[in-house]
C-alpha atoms as a PDB file:
ATOM      1  CA  MET A   1      -0.228  -0.206  -0.043  1.00  0.00           C
ATOM      2  CA  THR A   2       1.507   3.431  -1.078  1.00  0.00           C
ATOM      3  CA  GLU A   3       0.776   6.801   0.575  1.00  0.00           C
ATOM      4  CA  GLN A   4      -1.364   7.522  -2.395  1.00  0.00           C
ATOM      5  CA  SER A   5      -3.469   4.463  -1.724  1.00  0.00           C
ATOM      6  CA  LEU A   6      -4.576   5.643   1.871  1.00  0.00           C
ATOM      7  CA  PRO A   7      -8.486   6.375   1.570  1.00  0.00           C
ATOM      8  CA  PRO A   8      -9.066  10.100   1.050  1.00  0.00           C
ATOM      9  CA  GLU A   9     -11.602   9.803   4.133  1.00  0.00           C
ATOM     10  CA  ALA A  10      -8.381   9.021   6.270  1.00  0.00           C
ATOM     11  CA  ARG A  11      -6.540  12.027   4.919  1.00  0.00           C
ATOM     12  CA  TRP A  12      -9.328  14.502   5.347  1.00  0.00           C
ATOM     13  CA  LEU A  13     -10.312  13.090   8.753  1.00  0.00           C
ATOM     14  CA  GLY A  14      -6.856  13.058   9.865  1.00  0.00           C
ATOM     15  CA  TYR A  15      -6.352  16.785   8.959  1.00  0.00           C
ATOM     16  CA  ALA A  16      -9.642  17.413  10.465  1.00  0.00           C
ATOM     17  CA  GLY A  17      -8.058  16.338  13.974  1.00  0.00           C
ATOM     18  CA  LEU A  18      -6.139  19.381  13.861  1.00  0.00           C
ATOM     19  CA  LEU A  19      -9.079  21.552  14.119  1.00  0.00           C
ATOM     20  CA  PRO A  20      -9.978  21.170  17.649  1.00  0.00           C
ATOM     21  CA  GLN A  21      -6.583  22.288  18.611  1.00  0.00           C
ATOM     22  CA  ALA A  22      -6.453  25.218  16.312  1.00  0.00           C
ATOM     23  CA  LEU A  23      -9.996  26.284  17.947  1.00  0.00           C
ATOM     24  CA  ALA A  24      -8.470  26.119  21.435  1.00  0.00           C
ATOM     25  CA  LEU A  25      -5.735  28.266  20.228  1.00  0.00           C
ATOM     26  CA  LEU A  26      -7.924  30.913  18.708  1.00  0.00           C
ATOM     27  CA  LEU A  27     -10.194  30.654  21.961  1.00  0.00           C
ATOM     28  CA  SER A  28      -7.132  31.079  24.284  1.00  0.00           C
ATOM     29  CA  LEU A  29      -6.419  34.230  22.974  1.00  0.00           C
ATOM     30  CA  SER A  30      -9.598  35.629  24.456  1.00  0.00           C
ATOM     31  CA  SER A  31      -9.178  37.648  27.650  1.00  0.00           C
ATOM     32  CA  ASN A  32     -12.486  36.203  28.941  1.00  0.00           C
ATOM     33  CA  GLU A  33     -12.955  32.950  30.902  1.00  0.00           C
ATOM     34  CA  TRP A  34     -13.142  30.982  27.652  1.00  0.00           C
ATOM     35  CA  GLY A  35      -9.296  31.878  27.331  1.00  0.00           C
ATOM     36  CA  PHE A  36      -8.336  29.453  30.257  1.00  0.00           C
ATOM     37  CA  VAL A  37     -11.160  26.878  29.105  1.00  0.00           C
ATOM     38  CA  ALA A  38      -9.757  26.635  25.679  1.00  0.00           C
ATOM     39  CA  LEU A  39      -6.051  26.223  27.262  1.00  0.00           C
ATOM     40  CA  ALA A  40      -7.328  23.575  29.401  1.00  0.00           C
ATOM     41  CA  GLY A  41      -9.257  21.847  26.631  1.00  0.00           C
ATOM     42  CA  GLY A  42      -6.366  22.001  24.329  1.00  0.00           C
ATOM     43  CA  PHE A  43      -4.000  20.316  26.785  1.00  0.00           C
ATOM     44  CA  ALA A  44      -6.799  17.483  27.387  1.00  0.00           C
ATOM     45  CA  TYR A  45      -7.152  17.025  23.532  1.00  0.00           C
ATOM     46  CA  GLY A  46      -3.272  16.898  23.064  1.00  0.00           C
ATOM     47  CA  ALA A  47      -2.986  14.586  26.072  1.00  0.00           C
ATOM     48  CA  LEU A  48      -5.474  12.279  24.529  1.00  0.00           C
ATOM     49  CA  ILE A  49      -4.081  12.166  21.345  1.00  0.00           C
ATOM     50  CA  PHE A  50      -0.812  11.468  22.461  1.00  0.00           C
ATOM     51  CA  SER A  51      -2.047   8.846  24.441  1.00  0.00           C
ATOM     52  CA  PHE A  52      -3.844   7.413  21.444  1.00  0.00           C
ATOM     53  CA  LEU A  53      -0.588   7.359  19.867  1.00  0.00           C
ATOM     54  CA  GLY A  54       0.746   4.807  22.305  1.00  0.00           C
ATOM     55  CA  GLY A  55      -2.050   2.719  21.671  1.00  0.00           C
ATOM     56  CA  VAL A  56      -1.118   2.803  17.823  1.00  0.00           C
ATOM     57  CA  TRP A  57       2.559   1.905  18.649  1.00  0.00           C
ATOM     58  CA  TRP A  58       0.932  -0.836  20.730  1.00  0.00           C
ATOM     59  CA  GLY A  59      -1.324  -2.600  18.056  1.00  0.00           C
ATOM     60  CA  GLN A  60       1.445  -2.067  15.376  1.00  0.00           C
ATOM     61  CA  ALA A  61       3.910  -3.753  17.435  1.00  0.00           C
ATOM     62  CA  LEU A  62       1.476  -6.671  17.889  1.00  0.00           C
ATOM     63  CA  ALA A  63       0.578  -6.887  14.214  1.00  0.00           C
ATOM     64  CA  ALA A  64       4.357  -6.923  13.258  1.00  0.00           C
ATOM     65  CA  GLU A  65       5.011  -9.816  15.955  1.00  0.00           C
ATOM     66  CA  ARG A  66       7.270  -7.279  17.795  1.00  0.00           C
ATOM     67  CA  VAL A  67       6.694  -8.262  21.289  1.00  0.00           C
ATOM     68  CA  GLY A  68       9.944  -7.108  22.971  1.00  0.00           C
ATOM     69  CA  ALA A  69       9.344  -5.501  26.310  1.00  0.00           C
ATOM     70  CA  GLY A  70      10.928  -2.175  25.054  1.00  0.00           C
ATOM     71  CA  THR A  71       8.530  -1.705  22.459  1.00  0.00           C
ATOM     72  CA  PHE A  72       5.458  -2.032  24.996  1.00  0.00           C
ATOM     73  CA  VAL A  73       7.354   0.192  27.497  1.00  0.00           C
ATOM     74  CA  ALA A  74       7.463   3.021  24.545  1.00  0.00           C
ATOM     75  CA  ALA A  75       3.765   2.284  23.825  1.00  0.00           C
ATOM     76  CA  VAL A  76       2.809   2.885  27.479  1.00  0.00           C
ATOM     77  CA  LEU A  77       4.986   5.938  27.847  1.00  0.00           C
ATOM     78  CA  PRO A  78       2.764   8.558  26.161  1.00  0.00           C
ATOM     79  CA  SER A  79      -0.254   7.980  28.777  1.00  0.00           C
ATOM     80  CA  LEU A  80       2.307   8.178  31.813  1.00  0.00           C
ATOM     81  CA  ILE A  81       3.945  11.293  30.262  1.00  0.00           C
ATOM     82  CA  ALA A  82       0.497  12.960  29.790  1.00  0.00           C
ATOM     83  CA  LEU A  83      -0.488  12.194  33.123  1.00  0.00           C
ATOM     84  CA  ALA A  84       2.746  13.445  34.454  1.00  0.00           C
ATOM     85  CA  LEU A  85       2.379  16.912  32.852  1.00  0.00           C
ATOM     86  CA  PHE A  86      -1.242  16.984  34.241  1.00  0.00           C
ATOM     87  CA  LEU A  87       0.009  16.700  37.894  1.00  0.00           C
ATOM     88  CA  PRO A  88       1.189  20.269  38.191  1.00  0.00           C
ATOM     89  CA  TRP A  89      -2.174  21.645  37.684  1.00  0.00           C
ATOM     90  CA  THR A  90      -3.505  19.124  40.708  1.00  0.00           C
ATOM     91  CA  LEU A  91      -0.939  20.359  42.802  1.00  0.00           C
ATOM     92  CA  GLY A  92      -1.447  23.980  42.394  1.00  0.00           C
ATOM     93  CA  TYR A  93       1.841  24.677  40.674  1.00  0.00           C
ATOM     94  CA  ALA A  94       2.266  26.715  37.323  1.00  0.00           C
ATOM     95  CA  TRP A  95       0.034  25.037  34.586  1.00  0.00           C
ATOM     96  CA  PRO A  96      -0.729  24.651  31.874  1.00  0.00           C
ATOM     97  CA  GLY A  97       1.918  26.724  29.886  1.00  0.00           C
ATOM     98  CA  PRO A  98       4.803  24.400  30.914  1.00  0.00           C
ATOM     99  CA  SER A  99       2.977  21.308  30.234  1.00  0.00           C
ATOM    100  CA  LEU A 100       1.661  22.513  27.061  1.00  0.00           C
ATOM    101  CA  LEU A 101       5.213  23.305  25.854  1.00  0.00           C
ATOM    102  CA  TRP A 102       6.614  19.763  27.028  1.00  0.00           C
ATOM    103  CA  LEU A 103       3.306  17.971  25.316  1.00  0.00           C
ATOM    104  CA  GLY A 104       3.705  19.701  22.038  1.00  0.00           C
ATOM    105  CA  LEU A 105       7.329  18.726  21.959  1.00  0.00           C
ATOM    106  CA  PHE A 106       6.499  15.007  22.753  1.00  0.00           C
ATOM    107  CA  ILE A 107       3.895  15.059  20.263  1.00  0.00           C
ATOM    108  CA  GLY A 108       5.877  16.643  17.470  1.00  0.00           C
ATOM    109  CA  ILE A 109       8.906  14.266  17.995  1.00  0.00           C
ATOM    110  CA  SER A 110       6.627  11.288  18.386  1.00  0.00           C
ATOM    111  CA  PRO A 111       7.227  10.099  14.686  1.00  0.00           C
ATOM    112  CA  LEU A 112      10.731   9.372  15.603  1.00  0.00           C
ATOM    113  CA  ILE A 113       9.591   6.723  17.885  1.00  0.00           C
ATOM    114  CA  ASP A 114       7.832   5.092  14.895  1.00  0.00           C
ATOM    115  CA  ARG A 115      11.268   5.091  13.326  1.00  0.00           C
ATOM    116  CA  ARG A 116      13.131   3.853  16.328  1.00  0.00           C
ATOM    117  CA  LEU A 117      10.612   0.745  16.796  1.00  0.00           C
ATOM    118  CA  ASP A 118      10.975   0.469  12.926  1.00  0.00           C
ATOM    119  CA  LEU A 119       7.025   0.733  12.420  1.00  0.00           C
ATOM    120  CA  SER A 120       7.675   3.594  10.151  1.00  0.00           C
ATOM    121  CA  GLY A 121       7.016   1.481   6.776  1.00  0.00           C
ATOM    122  CA  SER A 122       3.317   1.962   7.030  1.00  0.00           C
ATOM    123  CA  ALA A 123       1.083   3.642   4.473  1.00  0.00           C
ATOM    124  CA  PHE A 124      -0.019   6.300   6.870  1.00  0.00           C
ATOM    125  CA  MET A 125       3.405   7.439   7.998  1.00  0.00           C
ATOM    126  CA  ARG A 126       3.632  10.661   5.959  1.00  0.00           C
ATOM    127  CA  LEU A 127       0.087  11.718   7.052  1.00  0.00           C
ATOM    128  CA  ARG A 128       1.278  10.701  10.703  1.00  0.00           C
ATOM    129  CA  ILE A 129       4.286  13.139  10.627  1.00  0.00           C
ATOM    130  CA  HIS A 130       2.433  15.981   8.952  1.00  0.00           C
ATOM    131  CA  LEU A 131      -0.771  15.499  11.885  1.00  0.00           C
ATOM    132  CA  SER A 132       2.100  15.020  14.774  1.00  0.00           C
ATOM    133  CA  VAL A 133       4.163  18.047  13.710  1.00  0.00           C
ATOM    134  CA  GLY A 134       1.037  20.224  13.143  1.00  0.00           C
ATOM    135  CA  LEU A 135      -0.388  18.957  16.566  1.00  0.00           C
ATOM    136  CA  GLY A 136       2.931  19.671  18.335  1.00  0.00           C
ATOM    137  CA  VAL A 137       3.131  23.019  16.780  1.00  0.00           C
ATOM    138  CA  LEU A 138      -0.224  23.937  17.800  1.00  0.00           C
ATOM    139  CA  THR A 139      -0.058  22.616  21.377  1.00  0.00           C
ATOM    140  CA  ILE A 140       3.417  24.596  21.982  1.00  0.00           C
ATOM    141  CA  LEU A 141       1.583  27.687  20.544  1.00  0.00           C
ATOM    142  CA  LEU A 142      -1.013  27.173  23.268  1.00  0.00           C
ATOM    143  CA  GLY A 143       1.663  27.046  25.777  1.00  0.00           C
ATOM    144  CA  ILE A 144       3.124  30.146  24.571  1.00  0.00           C
ATOM    145  CA  VAL A 145      -0.272  31.704  25.174  1.00  0.00           C
ATOM    146  CA  ALA A 146      -0.613  30.327  28.314  1.00  0.00           C
ATOM    147  CA  LEU A 147       3.036  31.457  29.537  1.00  0.00           C
ATOM    148  CA  GLN A 148       1.812  35.046  28.573  1.00  0.00           C
ATOM    149  CA  ARG A 149      -1.465  34.824  30.655  1.00  0.00           C
ATOM    150  CA  VAL A 150       0.567  34.390  33.862  1.00  0.00           C
END
């Protein structure tokens, strides 16, 4: 299967998945209470997608019969990282700015894990790179907005 053989729906729905984060970024620029709600929602969305990527790695590893412990550890890390980045808010520390910056970075570089796990040969990899970099950049921009609001 080639990149061109991906169903058009996969590409359109994939790119549409960037819209919630773009909307959160736009709303975060508001000076009213919706600004913080948008930051929190943007963090939640980024964390959910990042955790989803771990599930993708888990499924790809099982399908490729790559059952080494390291592969499964890497697949669980996104959920644990997202949880760790949420903890400062629950403890009353500076949030969500620093957490959004880190989350955006982790999302943006996540395709490197595909390559490291030798999972990069699939048809959707080019789309994955676009979506991860796009979501990573939008999340980092949200983090910058959050730091400006402090």
